[in-house]
Amino acid sequence: MAAGDHAGHNHGDLMGGVEFKNIPVPQSIAPHKKQVIEVFGYTCPHCYNLEPSLHKWLETKADDVHFERMPVVFNHPNWIFMARVFYTAKELGVLDKSHNAFFDALHRDKKELFTPEKIAQFFTQFGVKEEDFLNMFKGFKVDQLVRRAAKLTRDYGIEGVPSIVVNGKYLTDVPMAGSRDKMWQIVDDLSNK
């Protein structure tokens, strides 16, 4: 689609401070030239509701845009706990299978998955032994990853989720963009800035 084809949206004049913000502590994104990070929380309904539009965007995004997810870590035990779940799944190599299933379990199925033991049980369906889950969940590696996410949550200036960080420099979200579809257009524009 050529620039300016979107109704009322001209790709060269994004409104900084309105449609996106500059990040307080810009992060280097080498080796990726373009990077999009979704900062989310498993217990956040807005994050859950963003998933369909995120999947749609992933199908259309440019090949040179590297996408990853990062759990938000505000200074509260619940956020820290859910970030540990994410990094445990990632380190155990089951995140691709577990991410949406865990989201669905919490939001759609209203499952009470709020202890490491319950979650370890839930993860057995992805071929993970409960003991392996718990060891990783409580381990040093996951600690480090959660700490790093906490630092990035602050450095990115995240105040709410879901938030999208582009190229380590820009932050946008649905309220700033006005709609989910518009937000992904803005993400595409920012990734080319």
N, C-alpha and C. Protein backbone atom coordinates (compact mmCIF):
# COMPACT_ATOMS: atom_id res chain seq x y z
N MET A 1 0.84 -1.21 0.00
CA MET A 1 0.00 0.00 0.00
C MET A 1 0.87 1.24 0.00
N ALA A 2 0.58 2.17 -0.84
CA ALA A 2 1.41 3.38 -0.93
C ALA A 2 1.15 4.29 0.27
N ALA A 3 2.12 5.14 0.54
CA ALA A 3 1.96 6.08 1.65
C ALA A 3 0.73 6.94 1.41
N GLY A 4 0.00 7.19 2.45
CA GLY A 4 -1.15 8.08 2.33
C GLY A 4 -2.42 7.36 1.94
N ASP A 5 -2.34 6.05 1.66
CA ASP A 5 -3.54 5.31 1.28
C ASP A 5 -4.50 5.08 2.44
N HIS A 6 -3.94 5.04 3.65
CA HIS A 6 -4.82 4.86 4.80
C HIS A 6 -5.66 6.12 4.99
N ALA A 7 -6.91 5.93 5.24
CA ALA A 7 -7.79 7.09 5.41
C ALA A 7 -7.24 8.00 6.51
N GLY A 8 -6.99 9.22 6.14
CA GLY A 8 -6.58 10.23 7.12
C GLY A 8 -5.26 9.94 7.79
N HIS A 9 -4.48 9.01 7.25
CA HIS A 9 -3.22 8.70 7.92
C HIS A 9 -2.10 8.78 6.90
N ASN A 10 -1.29 9.80 7.02
CA ASN A 10 -0.19 9.94 6.07
C ASN A 10 1.07 9.41 6.72
N HIS A 11 1.71 8.41 6.07
CA HIS A 11 2.88 7.77 6.65
C HIS A 11 3.98 8.76 6.81
N GLY A 12 4.23 9.76 6.82
CA GLY A 12 5.41 10.54 7.04
C GLY A 12 5.17 11.49 8.15
N ASP A 13 3.96 11.67 8.66
CA ASP A 13 3.81 12.66 9.73
C ASP A 13 3.07 12.08 10.91
N LEU A 14 3.72 11.15 11.53
CA LEU A 14 3.21 10.64 12.80
C LEU A 14 3.30 11.75 13.84
N MET A 15 2.36 11.76 14.75
CA MET A 15 2.37 12.80 15.76
C MET A 15 3.04 12.30 17.04
N GLY A 16 4.28 12.69 17.23
CA GLY A 16 4.99 12.34 18.46
C GLY A 16 4.28 12.94 19.65
N GLY A 17 4.20 12.18 20.74
CA GLY A 17 3.51 12.67 21.94
C GLY A 17 2.03 12.41 21.88
N VAL A 18 1.52 12.13 20.67
CA VAL A 18 0.09 11.82 20.54
C VAL A 18 -0.06 10.35 20.16
N GLU A 19 0.50 9.97 19.01
CA GLU A 19 0.38 8.59 18.55
C GLU A 19 1.48 7.69 19.10
N PHE A 20 2.56 8.30 19.53
CA PHE A 20 3.65 7.54 20.13
C PHE A 20 4.45 8.47 21.02
N LYS A 21 5.31 7.87 21.87
CA LYS A 21 6.21 8.66 22.72
C LYS A 21 7.64 8.19 22.47
N ASN A 22 8.59 9.09 22.69
CA ASN A 22 9.98 8.67 22.70
C ASN A 22 10.27 8.02 24.05
N ILE A 23 11.05 6.95 24.01
CA ILE A 23 11.37 6.23 25.23
C ILE A 23 12.40 7.00 26.04
N PRO A 24 12.23 7.07 27.38
CA PRO A 24 13.15 7.85 28.21
C PRO A 24 14.60 7.38 28.12
N VAL A 25 14.82 6.07 28.11
CA VAL A 25 16.18 5.54 28.03
C VAL A 25 16.27 4.64 26.80
N PRO A 26 16.61 5.22 25.63
CA PRO A 26 16.64 4.41 24.40
C PRO A 26 17.58 3.21 24.54
N GLN A 27 17.18 2.09 23.96
CA GLN A 27 17.94 0.84 24.06
C GLN A 27 18.54 0.51 22.70
N SER A 28 19.77 0.00 22.71
CA SER A 28 20.34 -0.41 21.41
C SER A 28 19.70 -1.73 21.02
N ILE A 29 19.46 -1.93 19.73
CA ILE A 29 18.73 -3.13 19.30
C ILE A 29 19.57 -4.01 18.38
N ALA A 30 20.89 -3.76 18.35
CA ALA A 30 21.74 -4.65 17.54
C ALA A 30 21.50 -6.08 18.03
N PRO A 31 21.53 -7.08 17.17
CA PRO A 31 21.84 -7.07 15.75
C PRO A 31 20.64 -6.78 14.85
N HIS A 32 19.49 -6.48 15.45
CA HIS A 32 18.30 -6.25 14.61
C HIS A 32 18.27 -4.80 14.17
N LYS A 33 18.00 -4.58 12.91
CA LYS A 33 17.86 -3.20 12.46
C LYS A 33 16.49 -2.66 12.85
N LYS A 34 15.51 -3.56 12.83
CA LYS A 34 14.15 -3.16 13.21
C LYS A 34 13.61 -4.15 14.22
N GLN A 35 13.04 -3.65 15.29
CA GLN A 35 12.60 -4.53 16.36
C GLN A 35 11.28 -4.02 16.94
N VAL A 36 10.37 -4.94 17.15
CA VAL A 36 9.09 -4.61 17.79
C VAL A 36 8.93 -5.54 18.99
N ILE A 37 8.72 -4.94 20.16
CA ILE A 37 8.51 -5.72 21.38
C ILE A 37 7.12 -5.42 21.93
N GLU A 38 6.36 -6.49 22.14
CA GLU A 38 5.09 -6.32 22.83
C GLU A 38 5.34 -6.53 24.31
N VAL A 39 5.08 -5.47 25.10
CA VAL A 39 5.20 -5.57 26.55
C VAL A 39 3.79 -5.86 27.08
N PHE A 40 3.66 -6.99 27.77
CA PHE A 40 2.33 -7.47 28.12
C PHE A 40 2.34 -8.07 29.52
N GLY A 41 1.16 -8.37 30.01
CA GLY A 41 1.03 -9.13 31.26
C GLY A 41 -0.02 -10.20 31.08
N TYR A 42 0.26 -11.40 31.58
CA TYR A 42 -0.69 -12.50 31.40
C TYR A 42 -2.04 -12.23 32.06
N THR A 43 -2.06 -11.48 33.14
CA THR A 43 -3.35 -11.27 33.83
C THR A 43 -4.11 -10.06 33.29
N CYS A 44 -3.54 -9.39 32.27
CA CYS A 44 -4.15 -8.16 31.77
C CYS A 44 -5.14 -8.47 30.65
N PRO A 45 -6.44 -8.16 30.86
CA PRO A 45 -7.45 -8.47 29.83
C PRO A 45 -7.20 -7.74 28.52
N HIS A 46 -6.68 -6.51 28.58
CA HIS A 46 -6.41 -5.76 27.34
C HIS A 46 -5.32 -6.47 26.52
N CYS A 47 -4.37 -7.08 27.21
CA CYS A 47 -3.30 -7.82 26.52
C CYS A 47 -3.89 -9.05 25.84
N TYR A 48 -4.78 -9.71 26.56
CA TYR A 48 -5.43 -10.90 26.01
C TYR A 48 -6.25 -10.52 24.77
N ASN A 49 -6.95 -9.40 24.86
CA ASN A 49 -7.81 -8.96 23.75
C ASN A 49 -7.02 -8.44 22.56
N LEU A 50 -5.75 -8.13 22.78
CA LEU A 50 -4.90 -7.65 21.68
C LEU A 50 -4.41 -8.82 20.81
N GLU A 51 -4.39 -10.03 21.38
CA GLU A 51 -3.79 -11.18 20.69
C GLU A 51 -4.26 -11.37 19.24
N PRO A 52 -5.58 -11.36 18.96
CA PRO A 52 -6.00 -11.59 17.56
C PRO A 52 -5.41 -10.57 16.59
N SER A 53 -5.40 -9.29 16.97
CA SER A 53 -4.86 -8.28 16.05
C SER A 53 -3.34 -8.40 15.96
N LEU A 54 -2.71 -8.83 17.04
CA LEU A 54 -1.26 -9.06 17.03
C LEU A 54 -0.92 -10.20 16.05
N HIS A 55 -1.69 -11.27 16.11
CA HIS A 55 -1.44 -12.40 15.20
C HIS A 55 -1.63 -12.00 13.74
N LYS A 56 -2.64 -11.17 13.52
CA LYS A 56 -2.90 -10.66 12.16
C LYS A 56 -1.69 -9.84 11.68
N TRP A 57 -1.20 -8.98 12.58
CA TRP A 57 -0.05 -8.14 12.23
C TRP A 57 1.19 -9.00 11.96
N LEU A 58 1.40 -10.03 12.77
CA LEU A 58 2.56 -10.91 12.58
C LEU A 58 2.57 -11.55 11.19
N GLU A 59 1.37 -11.81 10.66
CA GLU A 59 1.28 -12.41 9.32
C GLU A 59 1.67 -11.42 8.21
N THR A 60 1.53 -10.14 8.50
CA THR A 60 1.76 -9.13 7.44
C THR A 60 3.03 -8.33 7.66
N LYS A 61 3.67 -8.47 8.83
CA LYS A 61 4.82 -7.60 9.14
C LYS A 61 5.96 -7.86 8.16
N ALA A 62 6.79 -6.84 7.98
CA ALA A 62 7.95 -6.97 7.08
C ALA A 62 8.91 -8.02 7.63
N ASP A 63 9.56 -8.74 6.73
CA ASP A 63 10.47 -9.81 7.14
C ASP A 63 11.65 -9.32 7.96
N ASP A 64 12.03 -8.06 7.75
CA ASP A 64 13.22 -7.57 8.47
C ASP A 64 12.87 -7.01 9.85
N VAL A 65 11.62 -7.14 10.25
CA VAL A 65 11.22 -6.68 11.59
C VAL A 65 11.27 -7.88 12.55
N HIS A 66 12.13 -7.77 13.55
CA HIS A 66 12.26 -8.82 14.56
C HIS A 66 11.25 -8.57 15.66
N PHE A 67 10.38 -9.57 15.93
CA PHE A 67 9.34 -9.41 16.95
C PHE A 67 9.65 -10.26 18.17
N GLU A 68 9.46 -9.68 19.34
CA GLU A 68 9.49 -10.50 20.55
C GLU A 68 8.52 -9.96 21.60
N ARG A 69 8.26 -10.80 22.57
CA ARG A 69 7.38 -10.40 23.68
C ARG A 69 8.23 -10.20 24.93
N MET A 70 7.78 -9.29 25.78
CA MET A 70 8.43 -9.12 27.07
C MET A 70 7.37 -8.95 28.13
N PRO A 71 7.42 -9.75 29.20
CA PRO A 71 6.43 -9.54 30.25
C PRO A 71 6.75 -8.25 31.01
N VAL A 72 5.72 -7.49 31.31
CA VAL A 72 5.91 -6.26 32.08
C VAL A 72 6.25 -6.66 33.52
N VAL A 73 7.19 -5.94 34.13
CA VAL A 73 7.48 -6.21 35.54
C VAL A 73 7.40 -4.90 36.32
N PHE A 74 6.18 -4.61 36.78
CA PHE A 74 6.00 -3.52 37.73
C PHE A 74 6.39 -4.09 39.10
N ASN A 75 6.66 -3.19 40.02
CA ASN A 75 7.13 -3.64 41.32
C ASN A 75 5.98 -4.18 42.18
N HIS A 76 5.50 -5.34 41.83
CA HIS A 76 4.41 -5.97 42.56
C HIS A 76 4.54 -7.48 42.36
N PRO A 77 4.33 -8.26 43.43
CA PRO A 77 4.54 -9.71 43.34
C PRO A 77 3.80 -10.39 42.19
N ASN A 78 2.57 -9.94 41.89
CA ASN A 78 1.79 -10.60 40.83
C ASN A 78 2.45 -10.48 39.46
N TRP A 79 2.98 -9.28 39.15
CA TRP A 79 3.62 -9.06 37.85
C TRP A 79 4.92 -9.88 37.78
N ILE A 80 5.65 -9.89 38.88
CA ILE A 80 6.91 -10.65 38.95
C ILE A 80 6.61 -12.14 38.76
N PHE A 81 5.57 -12.61 39.42
CA PHE A 81 5.18 -14.02 39.34
C PHE A 81 4.87 -14.43 37.89
N MET A 82 4.05 -13.63 37.21
CA MET A 82 3.65 -13.96 35.85
C MET A 82 4.82 -13.83 34.86
N ALA A 83 5.74 -12.91 35.15
CA ALA A 83 6.93 -12.80 34.32
C ALA A 83 7.79 -14.07 34.45
N ARG A 84 7.81 -14.62 35.67
CA ARG A 84 8.55 -15.88 35.88
C ARG A 84 7.94 -17.01 35.07
N VAL A 85 6.60 -17.04 34.98
CA VAL A 85 5.94 -18.07 34.17
C VAL A 85 6.40 -17.97 32.72
N PHE A 86 6.39 -16.74 32.20
CA PHE A 86 6.79 -16.50 30.80
C PHE A 86 8.21 -16.98 30.55
N TYR A 87 9.14 -16.55 31.40
CA TYR A 87 10.55 -16.89 31.16
C TYR A 87 10.83 -18.37 31.43
N THR A 88 10.08 -18.98 32.34
CA THR A 88 10.22 -20.42 32.56
C THR A 88 9.83 -21.17 31.28
N ALA A 89 8.69 -20.79 30.70
CA ALA A 89 8.23 -21.42 29.45
C ALA A 89 9.25 -21.20 28.34
N LYS A 90 9.80 -19.99 28.28
CA LYS A 90 10.77 -19.66 27.24
C LYS A 90 12.04 -20.50 27.39
N GLU A 91 12.54 -20.56 28.61
CA GLU A 91 13.77 -21.32 28.87
C GLU A 91 13.58 -22.82 28.65
N LEU A 92 12.37 -23.30 28.90
CA LEU A 92 12.09 -24.73 28.70
C LEU A 92 11.73 -25.05 27.24
N GLY A 93 11.67 -24.00 26.41
CA GLY A 93 11.45 -24.21 24.98
C GLY A 93 10.02 -24.52 24.59
N VAL A 94 9.05 -24.16 25.46
CA VAL A 94 7.65 -24.46 25.13
C VAL A 94 6.78 -23.23 24.95
N LEU A 95 7.40 -22.05 24.92
CA LEU A 95 6.63 -20.81 24.87
C LEU A 95 5.68 -20.76 23.67
N ASP A 96 6.15 -21.23 22.51
CA ASP A 96 5.29 -21.21 21.32
C ASP A 96 3.99 -21.97 21.55
N LYS A 97 4.09 -23.06 22.28
CA LYS A 97 2.89 -23.87 22.54
C LYS A 97 2.09 -23.33 23.72
N SER A 98 2.79 -22.80 24.72
CA SER A 98 2.11 -22.48 25.99
C SER A 98 1.51 -21.08 26.04
N HIS A 99 2.04 -20.15 25.26
CA HIS A 99 1.69 -18.73 25.43
C HIS A 99 0.17 -18.49 25.31
N ASN A 100 -0.41 -18.88 24.16
CA ASN A 100 -1.85 -18.64 23.98
C ASN A 100 -2.69 -19.53 24.88
N ALA A 101 -2.21 -20.75 25.10
CA ALA A 101 -2.96 -21.69 25.96
C ALA A 101 -3.07 -21.15 27.38
N PHE A 102 -1.98 -20.57 27.87
CA PHE A 102 -1.98 -20.03 29.23
C PHE A 102 -2.89 -18.80 29.32
N PHE A 103 -2.79 -17.94 28.31
CA PHE A 103 -3.69 -16.79 28.20
C PHE A 103 -5.16 -17.24 28.23
N ASP A 104 -5.49 -18.21 27.38
CA ASP A 104 -6.86 -18.74 27.30
C ASP A 104 -7.31 -19.30 28.65
N ALA A 105 -6.42 -20.05 29.28
CA ALA A 105 -6.76 -20.68 30.56
C ALA A 105 -7.13 -19.63 31.60
N LEU A 106 -6.37 -18.54 31.63
CA LEU A 106 -6.63 -17.49 32.62
C LEU A 106 -7.89 -16.69 32.30
N HIS A 107 -8.03 -16.29 31.03
CA HIS A 107 -9.08 -15.33 30.69
C HIS A 107 -10.36 -15.99 30.20
N ARG A 108 -10.22 -16.95 29.29
CA ARG A 108 -11.41 -17.57 28.72
C ARG A 108 -11.98 -18.63 29.67
N ASP A 109 -11.07 -19.46 30.22
CA ASP A 109 -11.52 -20.59 31.04
C ASP A 109 -11.53 -20.28 32.52
N LYS A 110 -11.05 -19.10 32.89
CA LYS A 110 -11.04 -18.65 34.30
C LYS A 110 -10.42 -19.69 35.24
N LYS A 111 -9.33 -20.30 34.78
CA LYS A 111 -8.66 -21.29 35.62
C LYS A 111 -7.85 -20.58 36.70
N GLU A 112 -7.82 -21.18 37.89
CA GLU A 112 -7.09 -20.59 39.01
C GLU A 112 -5.64 -21.05 38.95
N LEU A 113 -4.85 -20.37 38.14
CA LEU A 113 -3.45 -20.76 37.99
C LEU A 113 -2.57 -19.71 38.65
N PHE A 114 -2.57 -19.75 39.98
CA PHE A 114 -1.86 -18.68 40.70
C PHE A 114 -0.81 -19.19 41.67
N THR A 115 -0.49 -20.49 41.59
CA THR A 115 0.64 -21.00 42.38
C THR A 115 1.58 -21.71 41.42
N PRO A 116 2.86 -21.75 41.76
CA PRO A 116 3.82 -22.45 40.88
C PRO A 116 3.40 -23.91 40.65
N GLU A 117 2.87 -24.55 41.69
CA GLU A 117 2.49 -25.96 41.57
C GLU A 117 1.35 -26.16 40.57
N LYS A 118 0.32 -25.30 40.66
CA LYS A 118 -0.82 -25.39 39.73
C LYS A 118 -0.34 -25.16 38.29
N ILE A 119 0.55 -24.19 38.13
CA ILE A 119 1.03 -23.85 36.79
C ILE A 119 1.94 -24.97 36.26
N ALA A 120 2.73 -25.54 37.15
CA ALA A 120 3.60 -26.66 36.75
C ALA A 120 2.74 -27.82 36.23
N GLN A 121 1.62 -28.05 36.91
CA GLN A 121 0.67 -29.09 36.48
C GLN A 121 0.12 -28.77 35.10
N PHE A 122 -0.29 -27.52 34.93
CA PHE A 122 -0.83 -27.05 33.66
C PHE A 122 0.18 -27.28 32.53
N PHE A 123 1.46 -27.07 32.81
CA PHE A 123 2.50 -27.17 31.80
C PHE A 123 2.86 -28.61 31.41
N THR A 124 2.36 -29.58 32.17
CA THR A 124 2.65 -30.98 31.79
C THR A 124 2.08 -31.30 30.41
N GLN A 125 1.00 -30.59 30.01
CA GLN A 125 0.41 -30.84 28.68
C GLN A 125 1.37 -30.46 27.54
N PHE A 126 2.39 -29.68 27.85
CA PHE A 126 3.37 -29.30 26.81
C PHE A 126 4.63 -30.17 26.91
N GLY A 127 4.51 -31.27 27.64
CA GLY A 127 5.63 -32.20 27.75
C GLY A 127 6.68 -31.79 28.77
N VAL A 128 6.29 -30.93 29.70
CA VAL A 128 7.23 -30.48 30.74
C VAL A 128 6.93 -31.23 32.04
N LYS A 129 7.96 -31.78 32.66
CA LYS A 129 7.77 -32.43 33.97
C LYS A 129 7.58 -31.36 35.03
N GLU A 130 6.66 -31.61 35.96
CA GLU A 130 6.37 -30.62 37.01
C GLU A 130 7.64 -30.17 37.73
N GLU A 131 8.48 -31.14 38.04
CA GLU A 131 9.71 -30.86 38.77
C GLU A 131 10.63 -29.94 37.96
N ASP A 132 10.71 -30.18 36.65
CA ASP A 132 11.55 -29.34 35.79
C ASP A 132 11.00 -27.92 35.73
N PHE A 133 9.68 -27.82 35.66
CA PHE A 133 9.06 -26.50 35.63
C PHE A 133 9.40 -25.74 36.91
N LEU A 134 9.20 -26.39 38.05
CA LEU A 134 9.41 -25.72 39.35
C LEU A 134 10.88 -25.33 39.55
N ASN A 135 11.79 -26.21 39.14
CA ASN A 135 13.22 -25.90 39.28
C ASN A 135 13.59 -24.68 38.46
N MET A 136 13.10 -24.63 37.22
CA MET A 136 13.40 -23.49 36.35
C MET A 136 12.73 -22.22 36.90
N PHE A 137 11.46 -22.37 37.31
CA PHE A 137 10.67 -21.24 37.84
C PHE A 137 11.39 -20.56 39.01
N LYS A 138 11.99 -21.38 39.86
CA LYS A 138 12.62 -20.85 41.09
C LYS A 138 14.11 -20.57 40.90
N GLY A 139 14.60 -20.82 39.68
CA GLY A 139 16.05 -20.78 39.46
C GLY A 139 16.63 -19.41 39.18
N PHE A 140 17.95 -19.38 39.16
CA PHE A 140 18.73 -18.15 39.00
C PHE A 140 18.54 -17.53 37.61
N LYS A 141 18.49 -18.39 36.58
CA LYS A 141 18.37 -17.88 35.20
C LYS A 141 17.09 -17.06 35.03
N VAL A 142 15.98 -17.61 35.52
CA VAL A 142 14.70 -16.92 35.41
C VAL A 142 14.71 -15.64 36.25
N ASP A 143 15.35 -15.71 37.42
CA ASP A 143 15.55 -14.51 38.25
C ASP A 143 16.19 -13.39 37.46
N GLN A 144 17.28 -13.73 36.77
CA GLN A 144 18.02 -12.73 35.99
C GLN A 144 17.16 -12.13 34.89
N LEU A 145 16.42 -12.98 34.20
CA LEU A 145 15.57 -12.52 33.10
C LEU A 145 14.47 -11.60 33.61
N VAL A 146 13.90 -11.94 34.75
CA VAL A 146 12.83 -11.11 35.33
C VAL A 146 13.41 -9.77 35.78
N ARG A 147 14.61 -9.81 36.34
CA ARG A 147 15.25 -8.56 36.75
C ARG A 147 15.51 -7.64 35.58
N ARG A 148 15.98 -8.25 34.48
CA ARG A 148 16.24 -7.47 33.27
C ARG A 148 14.94 -6.86 32.74
N ALA A 149 13.85 -7.64 32.76
CA ALA A 149 12.55 -7.13 32.29
C ALA A 149 12.07 -5.99 33.19
N ALA A 150 12.36 -6.08 34.49
CA ALA A 150 11.97 -5.01 35.42
C ALA A 150 12.71 -3.72 35.07
N LYS A 151 14.00 -3.87 34.77
CA LYS A 151 14.80 -2.70 34.41
C LYS A 151 14.29 -2.10 33.10
N LEU A 152 14.00 -2.97 32.12
CA LEU A 152 13.52 -2.47 30.82
C LEU A 152 12.13 -1.84 30.96
N THR A 153 11.28 -2.40 31.82
CA THR A 153 9.96 -1.80 32.07
C THR A 153 10.14 -0.35 32.49
N ARG A 154 11.11 -0.11 33.38
CA ARG A 154 11.39 1.27 33.83
C ARG A 154 12.03 2.10 32.71
N ASP A 155 13.06 1.53 32.07
CA ASP A 155 13.78 2.29 31.03
C ASP A 155 12.88 2.67 29.86
N TYR A 156 11.95 1.76 29.51
CA TYR A 156 11.03 2.05 28.41
C TYR A 156 9.96 3.06 28.83
N GLY A 157 9.83 3.32 30.12
CA GLY A 157 8.80 4.25 30.60
C GLY A 157 7.40 3.66 30.49
N ILE A 158 7.29 2.35 30.70
CA ILE A 158 5.99 1.66 30.58
C ILE A 158 5.11 2.04 31.76
N GLU A 159 3.90 2.52 31.46
CA GLU A 159 2.96 2.86 32.53
C GLU A 159 1.77 1.91 32.54
N GLY A 160 1.53 1.26 31.42
CA GLY A 160 0.41 0.32 31.34
C GLY A 160 0.67 -0.66 30.22
N VAL A 161 -0.09 -1.75 30.21
CA VAL A 161 0.08 -2.74 29.15
C VAL A 161 -1.27 -3.04 28.51
N PRO A 162 -1.29 -3.49 27.25
CA PRO A 162 -0.14 -3.74 26.41
C PRO A 162 0.48 -2.44 25.87
N SER A 163 1.80 -2.44 25.78
CA SER A 163 2.53 -1.35 25.15
C SER A 163 3.44 -1.96 24.10
N ILE A 164 3.68 -1.22 23.04
CA ILE A 164 4.55 -1.71 21.97
C ILE A 164 5.77 -0.80 21.88
N VAL A 165 6.95 -1.43 21.96
CA VAL A 165 8.21 -0.70 21.87
C VAL A 165 8.80 -0.97 20.50
N VAL A 166 9.13 0.10 19.77
CA VAL A 166 9.65 -0.04 18.41
C VAL A 166 11.09 0.48 18.34
N ASN A 167 11.95 -0.38 17.84
CA ASN A 167 13.36 -0.03 17.60
C ASN A 167 14.08 0.49 18.85
N GLY A 168 13.60 0.10 20.02
CA GLY A 168 14.25 0.53 21.26
C GLY A 168 14.12 2.01 21.55
N LYS A 169 13.31 2.72 20.72
CA LYS A 169 13.25 4.19 20.83
C LYS A 169 11.85 4.75 21.04
N TYR A 170 10.85 4.03 20.51
CA TYR A 170 9.49 4.58 20.49
C TYR A 170 8.52 3.65 21.22
N LEU A 171 7.49 4.26 21.80
CA LEU A 171 6.48 3.52 22.54
C LEU A 171 5.11 3.93 22.04
N THR A 172 4.26 2.96 21.75
CA THR A 172 2.88 3.29 21.42
C THR A 172 1.96 2.27 22.07
N ASP A 173 0.68 2.61 22.13
CA ASP A 173 -0.32 1.69 22.67
C ASP A 173 -1.67 2.03 22.06
N VAL A 174 -2.66 1.23 22.37
CA VAL A 174 -3.98 1.41 21.74
C VAL A 174 -4.60 2.77 22.08
N PRO A 175 -4.57 3.21 23.36
CA PRO A 175 -5.15 4.54 23.65
C PRO A 175 -4.48 5.67 22.86
N MET A 176 -3.16 5.64 22.72
CA MET A 176 -2.47 6.69 21.95
C MET A 176 -2.86 6.61 20.48
N ALA A 177 -2.95 5.38 19.97
CA ALA A 177 -3.21 5.20 18.54
C ALA A 177 -4.68 5.44 18.19
N GLY A 178 -5.57 5.14 19.13
CA GLY A 178 -7.00 5.34 18.88
C GLY A 178 -7.73 4.04 18.57
N SER A 179 -7.03 3.05 18.03
CA SER A 179 -7.64 1.74 17.80
C SER A 179 -6.53 0.71 17.61
N ARG A 180 -6.88 -0.57 17.70
CA ARG A 180 -5.85 -1.60 17.54
C ARG A 180 -5.26 -1.58 16.14
N ASP A 181 -6.15 -1.49 15.12
CA ASP A 181 -5.66 -1.51 13.74
C ASP A 181 -4.73 -0.33 13.47
N LYS A 182 -5.14 0.83 13.96
CA LYS A 182 -4.33 2.04 13.78
C LYS A 182 -2.98 1.87 14.48
N MET A 183 -3.00 1.24 15.65
CA MET A 183 -1.75 1.05 16.38
C MET A 183 -0.75 0.26 15.55
N TRP A 184 -1.20 -0.82 14.89
CA TRP A 184 -0.26 -1.63 14.11
C TRP A 184 0.26 -0.87 12.89
N GLN A 185 -0.58 0.04 12.33
CA GLN A 185 -0.09 0.92 11.24
C GLN A 185 1.03 1.81 11.77
N ILE A 186 0.81 2.36 12.97
CA ILE A 186 1.80 3.24 13.58
C ILE A 186 3.09 2.47 13.86
N VAL A 187 2.94 1.22 14.34
CA VAL A 187 4.11 0.36 14.59
C VAL A 187 4.91 0.17 13.30
N ASP A 188 4.21 -0.10 12.21
CA ASP A 188 4.90 -0.26 10.91
C ASP A 188 5.63 1.02 10.51
N ASP A 189 4.95 2.15 10.70
CA ASP A 189 5.58 3.44 10.36
C ASP A 189 6.81 3.71 11.23
N LEU A 190 6.67 3.45 12.53
CA LEU A 190 7.78 3.72 13.46
C LEU A 190 8.98 2.83 13.17
N SER A 191 8.69 1.59 12.73
CA SER A 191 9.81 0.66 12.48
C SER A 191 10.66 1.13 11.30
N ASN A 192 10.08 2.00 10.48
CA ASN A 192 10.84 2.55 9.33
C ASN A 192 11.46 3.92 9.61
N LYS A 193 11.22 4.43 10.82
CA LYS A 193 11.75 5.76 11.15
C LYS A 193 13.27 5.73 11.34
